[in-house]
PDB file of N, CA and C in Angstrom:
ATOM      1  N   MET A   1      -9.561  58.106 -17.435  1.00  0.00           N
ATOM      2  CA  MET A   1      -8.389  57.870 -18.103  1.00  0.00           C
ATOM      3  C   MET A   1      -7.249  57.540 -17.026  1.00  0.00           C
ATOM      4  N   GLN A   2      -7.213  58.455 -16.025  1.00  0.00           N
ATOM      5  CA  GLN A   2      -6.124  58.327 -15.044  1.00  0.00           C
ATOM      6  C   GLN A   2      -6.438  57.090 -14.191  1.00  0.00           C
ATOM      7  N   THR A   3      -7.604  56.781 -13.866  1.00  0.00           N
ATOM      8  CA  THR A   3      -7.905  55.609 -13.035  1.00  0.00           C
ATOM      9  C   THR A   3      -7.650  54.291 -13.743  1.00  0.00           C
ATOM     10  N   GLU A   4      -7.821  54.308 -15.047  1.00  0.00           N
ATOM     11  CA  GLU A   4      -7.483  53.134 -15.902  1.00  0.00           C
ATOM     12  C   GLU A   4      -6.019  52.835 -15.860  1.00  0.00           C
ATOM     13  N   LEU A   5      -5.232  53.897 -15.959  1.00  0.00           N
ATOM     14  CA  LEU A   5      -3.736  53.800 -15.933  1.00  0.00           C
ATOM     15  C   LEU A   5      -3.285  53.294 -14.574  1.00  0.00           C
ATOM     16  N   ILE A   6      -3.900  53.836 -13.542  1.00  0.00           N
ATOM     17  CA  ILE A   6      -3.455  53.313 -12.229  1.00  0.00           C
ATOM     18  C   ILE A   6      -3.891  51.803 -12.061  1.00  0.00           C
ATOM     19  N   GLY A   7      -4.998  51.447 -12.517  1.00  0.00           N
ATOM     20  CA  GLY A   7      -5.421  50.045 -12.472  1.00  0.00           C
ATOM     21  C   GLY A   7      -4.360  49.088 -13.266  1.00  0.00           C
ATOM     22  N   VAL A   8      -3.976  49.578 -14.486  1.00  0.00           N
ATOM     23  CA  VAL A   8      -2.995  48.765 -15.310  1.00  0.00           C
ATOM     24  C   VAL A   8      -1.705  48.696 -14.584  1.00  0.00           C
ATOM     25  N   MET A   9      -1.313  49.781 -13.987  1.00  0.00           N
ATOM     26  CA  MET A   9       0.021  49.766 -13.265  1.00  0.00           C
ATOM     27  C   MET A   9      -0.086  48.903 -12.011  1.00  0.00           C
ATOM     28  N   ALA A  10      -1.116  48.937 -11.457  1.00  0.00           N
ATOM     29  CA  ALA A  10      -1.301  48.057 -10.217  1.00  0.00           C
ATOM     30  C   ALA A  10      -1.346  46.594 -10.547  1.00  0.00           C
ATOM     31  N   ALA A  11      -1.947  46.248 -11.650  1.00  0.00           N
ATOM     32  CA  ALA A  11      -1.965  44.880 -12.197  1.00  0.00           C
ATOM     33  C   ALA A  11      -0.560  44.380 -12.634  1.00  0.00           C
ATOM     34  N   ALA A  12       0.151  45.295 -13.236  1.00  0.00           N
ATOM     35  CA  ALA A  12       1.553  45.016 -13.640  1.00  0.00           C
ATOM     36  C   ALA A  12       2.429  44.794 -12.422  1.00  0.00           C
ATOM     37  N   ALA A  13       2.223  45.561 -11.399  1.00  0.00           N
ATOM     38  CA  ALA A  13       3.007  45.457 -10.142  1.00  0.00           C
ATOM     39  C   ALA A  13       2.705  44.141  -9.469  1.00  0.00           C
ATOM     40  N   VAL A  14       1.459  43.678  -9.512  1.00  0.00           N
ATOM     41  CA  VAL A  14       1.085  42.392  -8.856  1.00  0.00           C
ATOM     42  C   VAL A  14       1.734  41.241  -9.687  1.00  0.00           C
ATOM     43  N   VAL A  15       1.695  41.331 -11.008  1.00  0.00           N
ATOM     44  CA  VAL A  15       2.353  40.294 -11.768  1.00  0.00           C
ATOM     45  C   VAL A  15       3.834  40.184 -11.549  1.00  0.00           C
ATOM     46  N   LEU A  16       4.462  41.347 -11.476  1.00  0.00           N
ATOM     47  CA  LEU A  16       5.893  41.308 -11.220  1.00  0.00           C
ATOM     48  C   LEU A  16       6.281  40.760  -9.885  1.00  0.00           C
ATOM     49  N   ALA A  17       5.472  41.094  -8.850  1.00  0.00           N
ATOM     50  CA  ALA A  17       5.639  40.582  -7.520  1.00  0.00           C
ATOM     51  C   ALA A  17       5.484  39.146  -7.522  1.00  0.00           C
ATOM     52  N   LEU A  18       4.520  38.555  -8.228  1.00  0.00           N
ATOM     53  CA  LEU A  18       4.303  37.138  -8.212  1.00  0.00           C
ATOM     54  C   LEU A  18       5.444  36.382  -8.899  1.00  0.00           C
ATOM     55  N   VAL A  19       5.828  36.984 -10.079  1.00  0.00           N
ATOM     56  CA  VAL A  19       7.109  36.387 -10.707  1.00  0.00           C
ATOM     57  C   VAL A  19       8.285  36.390  -9.799  1.00  0.00           C
ATOM     58  N   TYR A  20       8.542  37.505  -9.171  1.00  0.00           N
ATOM     59  CA  TYR A  20       9.641  37.571  -8.218  1.00  0.00           C
ATOM     60  C   TYR A  20       9.609  36.574  -7.116  1.00  0.00           C
ATOM     61  N   LEU A  21       8.455  36.487  -6.455  1.00  0.00           N
ATOM     62  CA  LEU A  21       8.289  35.531  -5.306  1.00  0.00           C
ATOM     63  C   LEU A  21       8.363  34.100  -5.844  1.00  0.00           C
ATOM     64  N   SER A  22       7.871  33.748  -6.922  1.00  0.00           N
ATOM     65  CA  SER A  22       7.892  32.482  -7.536  1.00  0.00           C
ATOM     66  C   SER A  22       9.397  32.092  -7.775  1.00  0.00           C
ATOM     67  N   SER A  23      10.153  32.986  -8.398  1.00  0.00           N
ATOM     68  CA  SER A  23      11.564  32.641  -8.659  1.00  0.00           C
ATOM     69  C   SER A  23      12.376  32.626  -7.391  1.00  0.00           C
ATOM     70  N   TYR A  24      12.053  33.425  -6.347  1.00  0.00           N
ATOM     71  CA  TYR A  24      12.694  33.379  -5.130  1.00  0.00           C
ATOM     72  C   TYR A  24      12.560  32.112  -4.359  1.00  0.00           C
ATOM     73  N   ARG A  25      11.244  31.590  -4.387  1.00  0.00           N
ATOM     74  CA  ARG A  25      10.920  30.392  -3.657  1.00  0.00           C
ATOM     75  C   ARG A  25      11.335  29.117  -4.380  1.00  0.00           C
ATOM     76  N   HIS A  26      11.402  29.131  -5.668  1.00  0.00           N
ATOM     77  CA  HIS A  26      11.617  27.962  -6.461  1.00  0.00           C
ATOM     78  C   HIS A  26      12.685  28.375  -7.474  1.00  0.00           C
ATOM     79  N   PRO A  27      14.000  28.570  -7.108  1.00  0.00           N
ATOM     80  CA  PRO A  27      14.981  29.048  -8.115  1.00  0.00           C
ATOM     81  C   PRO A  27      15.464  28.042  -9.040  1.00  0.00           C
ATOM     82  N   LEU A  28      15.462  26.693  -8.707  1.00  0.00           N
ATOM     83  CA  LEU A  28      16.033  25.716  -9.560  1.00  0.00           C
ATOM     84  C   LEU A  28      14.952  25.016 -10.422  1.00  0.00           C
ATOM     85  N   LYS A  29      15.342  24.683 -11.598  1.00  0.00           N
ATOM     86  CA  LYS A  29      14.413  23.958 -12.455  1.00  0.00           C
ATOM     87  C   LYS A  29      15.261  22.859 -13.178  1.00  0.00           C
ATOM     88  N   GLN A  30      14.493  21.833 -13.563  1.00  0.00           N
ATOM     89  CA  GLN A  30      15.237  20.806 -14.328  1.00  0.00           C
ATOM     90  C   GLN A  30      15.648  21.256 -15.693  1.00  0.00           C
ATOM     91  N   CYS A  31      16.868  20.720 -16.057  1.00  0.00           N
ATOM     92  CA  CYS A  31      17.392  21.100 -17.406  1.00  0.00           C
ATOM     93  C   CYS A  31      16.451  20.591 -18.441  1.00  0.00           C
ATOM     94  N   TRP A  32      16.173  21.449 -19.438  1.00  0.00           N
ATOM     95  CA  TRP A  32      15.197  20.979 -20.542  1.00  0.00           C
ATOM     96  C   TRP A  32      15.897  20.198 -21.578  1.00  0.00           C
ATOM     97  N   ARG A  33      17.255  20.247 -21.673  1.00  0.00           N
ATOM     98  CA  ARG A  33      17.988  19.537 -22.650  1.00  0.00           C
ATOM     99  C   ARG A  33      18.261  18.147 -22.276  1.00  0.00           C
ATOM    100  N   CYS A  34      18.686  17.921 -21.077  1.00  0.00           N
ATOM    101  CA  CYS A  34      19.000  16.521 -20.587  1.00  0.00           C
ATOM    102  C   CYS A  34      17.942  15.847 -19.727  1.00  0.00           C
ATOM    103  N   LYS A  35      16.986  16.623 -19.383  1.00  0.00           N
ATOM    104  CA  LYS A  35      15.872  16.156 -18.526  1.00  0.00           C
ATOM    105  C   LYS A  35      16.331  15.650 -17.209  1.00  0.00           C
ATOM    106  N   GLY A  36      17.415  16.303 -16.625  1.00  0.00           N
ATOM    107  CA  GLY A  36      17.834  15.929 -15.275  1.00  0.00           C
ATOM    108  C   GLY A  36      18.931  14.859 -15.230  1.00  0.00           C
ATOM    109  N   LYS A  37      19.349  14.254 -16.401  1.00  0.00           N
ATOM    110  CA  LYS A  37      20.372  13.261 -16.431  1.00  0.00           C
ATOM    111  C   LYS A  37      21.749  13.732 -16.312  1.00  0.00           C
ATOM    112  N   GLY A  38      21.947  15.037 -16.784  1.00  0.00           N
ATOM    113  CA  GLY A  38      23.272  15.605 -16.769  1.00  0.00           C
ATOM    114  C   GLY A  38      24.100  15.289 -18.031  1.00  0.00           C
ATOM    115  N   ILE A  39      23.633  14.466 -18.864  1.00  0.00           N
ATOM    116  CA  ILE A  39      24.423  14.058 -20.033  1.00  0.00           C
ATOM    117  C   ILE A  39      23.486  14.108 -21.254  1.00  0.00           C
ATOM    118  N   LEU A  40      24.128  14.315 -22.473  1.00  0.00           N
ATOM    119  CA  LEU A  40      23.342  14.277 -23.699  1.00  0.00           C
ATOM    120  C   LEU A  40      23.937  13.144 -24.509  1.00  0.00           C
ATOM    121  N   ARG A  41      23.061  12.233 -24.823  1.00  0.00           N
ATOM    122  CA  ARG A  41      23.417  11.077 -25.619  1.00  0.00           C
ATOM    123  C   ARG A  41      23.562  11.467 -27.142  1.00  0.00           C
ATOM    124  N   SER A  42      24.406  10.864 -27.828  1.00  0.00           N
ATOM    125  CA  SER A  42      24.574  10.958 -29.248  1.00  0.00           C
ATOM    126  C   SER A  42      23.452  10.334 -30.054  1.00  0.00           C
ATOM    127  N   GLY A  43      22.980  11.006 -31.028  1.00  0.00           N
ATOM    128  CA  GLY A  43      21.960  10.477 -31.849  1.00  0.00           C
ATOM    129  C   GLY A  43      22.386   9.280 -32.741  1.00  0.00           C
ATOM    130  N   LEU A  44      23.651   9.321 -33.212  1.00  0.00           N
ATOM    131  CA  LEU A  44      24.191   8.261 -34.018  1.00  0.00           C
ATOM    132  C   LEU A  44      24.761   7.050 -33.252  1.00  0.00           C
ATOM    133  N   LEU A  45      25.444   7.421 -32.197  1.00  0.00           N
ATOM    134  CA  LEU A  45      26.083   6.379 -31.371  1.00  0.00           C
ATOM    135  C   LEU A  45      25.486   6.486 -29.919  1.00  0.00           C
ATOM    136  N   PRO A  46      24.437   5.816 -29.613  1.00  0.00           N
ATOM    137  CA  PRO A  46      23.715   5.987 -28.405  1.00  0.00           C
ATOM    138  C   PRO A  46      24.598   5.711 -27.088  1.00  0.00           C
ATOM    139  N   TRP A  47      25.638   4.868 -27.232  1.00  0.00           N
ATOM    140  CA  TRP A  47      26.416   4.619 -26.030  1.00  0.00           C
ATOM    141  C   TRP A  47      27.349   5.764 -25.759  1.00  0.00           C
ATOM    142  N   ARG A  48      27.543   6.751 -26.718  1.00  0.00           N
ATOM    143  CA  ARG A  48      28.418   7.867 -26.423  1.00  0.00           C
ATOM    144  C   ARG A  48      27.560   9.032 -25.924  1.00  0.00           C
ATOM    145  N   TYR A  49      28.200   9.777 -25.092  1.00  0.00           N
ATOM    146  CA  TYR A  49      27.512  10.901 -24.474  1.00  0.00           C
ATOM    147  C   TYR A  49      28.440  12.018 -24.150  1.00  0.00           C
ATOM    148  N   ARG A  50      27.913  13.142 -23.838  1.00  0.00           N
ATOM    149  CA  ARG A  50      28.832  14.321 -23.383  1.00  0.00           C
ATOM    150  C   ARG A  50      28.057  15.019 -22.270  1.00  0.00           C
ATOM    151  N   ILE A  51      28.754  15.766 -21.507  1.00  0.00           N
ATOM    152  CA  ILE A  51      28.194  16.538 -20.382  1.00  0.00           C
ATOM    153  C   ILE A  51      27.368  17.539 -20.972  1.00  0.00           C
ATOM    154  N   CYS A  52      26.205  17.771 -20.386  1.00  0.00           N
ATOM    155  CA  CYS A  52      25.271  18.773 -20.848  1.00  0.00           C
ATOM    156  C   CYS A  52      25.876  20.146 -20.587  1.00  0.00           C
ATOM    157  N   PRO A  53      25.969  20.986 -21.598  1.00  0.00           N
ATOM    158  CA  PRO A  53      26.550  22.389 -21.340  1.00  0.00           C
ATOM    159  C   PRO A  53      25.595  23.284 -20.588  1.00  0.00           C
ATOM    160  N   GLN A  54      24.286  22.942 -20.658  1.00  0.00           N
ATOM    161  CA  GLN A  54      23.248  23.792 -20.016  1.00  0.00           C
ATOM    162  C   GLN A  54      23.366  23.630 -18.437  1.00  0.00           C
ATOM    163  N   CYS A  55      23.442  22.473 -17.935  1.00  0.00           N
ATOM    164  CA  CYS A  55      23.434  22.277 -16.533  1.00  0.00           C
ATOM    165  C   CYS A  55      24.704  21.864 -15.918  1.00  0.00           C
ATOM    166  N   GLY A  56      25.766  21.514 -16.730  1.00  0.00           N
ATOM    167  CA  GLY A  56      27.022  21.168 -16.239  1.00  0.00           C
ATOM    168  C   GLY A  56      27.023  19.812 -15.409  1.00  0.00           C
ATOM    169  N   ARG A  57      26.194  18.844 -15.799  1.00  0.00           N
ATOM    170  CA  ARG A  57      26.009  17.600 -15.222  1.00  0.00           C
ATOM    171  C   ARG A  57      25.305  17.591 -13.860  1.00  0.00           C
ATOM    172  N   LYS A  58      24.674  18.666 -13.467  1.00  0.00           N
ATOM    173  CA  LYS A  58      23.890  18.760 -12.253  1.00  0.00           C
ATOM    174  C   LYS A  58      22.451  18.398 -12.417  1.00  0.00           C
ATOM    175  N   GLY A  59      21.927  18.504 -13.651  1.00  0.00           N
ATOM    176  CA  GLY A  59      20.508  18.233 -13.933  1.00  0.00           C
ATOM    177  C   GLY A  59      19.602  19.389 -13.642  1.00  0.00           C
ATOM    178  N   GLU A  60      20.207  20.452 -13.034  1.00  0.00           N
ATOM    179  CA  GLU A  60      19.428  21.648 -12.726  1.00  0.00           C
ATOM    180  C   GLU A  60      20.058  22.852 -13.317  1.00  0.00           C
ATOM    181  N   VAL A  61      19.220  23.872 -13.606  1.00  0.00           N
ATOM    182  CA  VAL A  61      19.754  25.127 -14.189  1.00  0.00           C
ATOM    183  C   VAL A  61      19.296  26.211 -13.226  1.00  0.00           C
ATOM    184  N   ARG A  62      19.961  27.400 -13.276  1.00  0.00           N
ATOM    185  CA  ARG A  62      19.652  28.515 -12.522  1.00  0.00           C
ATOM    186  C   ARG A  62      18.257  29.072 -12.844  1.00  0.00           C
ATOM    187  N   GLY A  63      17.601  29.683 -11.862  1.00  0.00           N
ATOM    188  CA  GLY A  63      16.390  30.298 -12.059  1.00  0.00           C
ATOM    189  C   GLY A  63      16.508  31.603 -12.896  1.00  0.00           C
ATOM    190  N   PRO A  64      15.357  32.224 -13.102  1.00  0.00           N
ATOM    191  CA  PRO A  64      15.378  33.390 -13.942  1.00  0.00           C
ATOM    192  C   PRO A  64      16.239  34.574 -13.463  1.00  0.00           C
ATOM    193  N   PHE A  65      16.451  34.711 -12.188  1.00  0.00           N
ATOM    194  CA  PHE A  65      17.211  35.734 -11.617  1.00  0.00           C
ATOM    195  C   PHE A  65      18.609  35.326 -11.160  1.00  0.00           C
ATOM    196  N   GLY A  66      19.075  34.165 -11.593  1.00  0.00           N
ATOM    197  CA  GLY A  66      20.476  33.693 -11.232  1.00  0.00           C
ATOM    198  C   GLY A  66      20.617  33.101  -9.916  1.00  0.00           C
ATOM    199  N   ARG A  67      19.607  32.826  -9.130  1.00  0.00           N
ATOM    200  CA  ARG A  67      19.804  32.215  -7.887  1.00  0.00           C
ATOM    201  C   ARG A  67      20.054  30.713  -8.068  1.00  0.00           C
ATOM    202  N   LYS A  68      20.856  30.198  -7.131  1.00  0.00           N
ATOM    203  CA  LYS A  68      21.136  28.804  -7.139  1.00  0.00           C
ATOM    204  C   LYS A  68      20.848  28.198  -5.774  1.00  0.00           C
TER     205      LYS A  68
END
């Protein structure tokens, strides 16, 4: 019982370490709303657009831990 718990805790620690290292090494990701364009086109009037509120016209959003 105790060895199973230690194994589960070790696996969870490895997963958390991998998530942390991945976010530290690759903190920026492309905005899912504008696909990197920085603007959102209107559905009714395609020539009209507005600045994407998710990425602020940068095309990138912060990583899961807020690094930029």
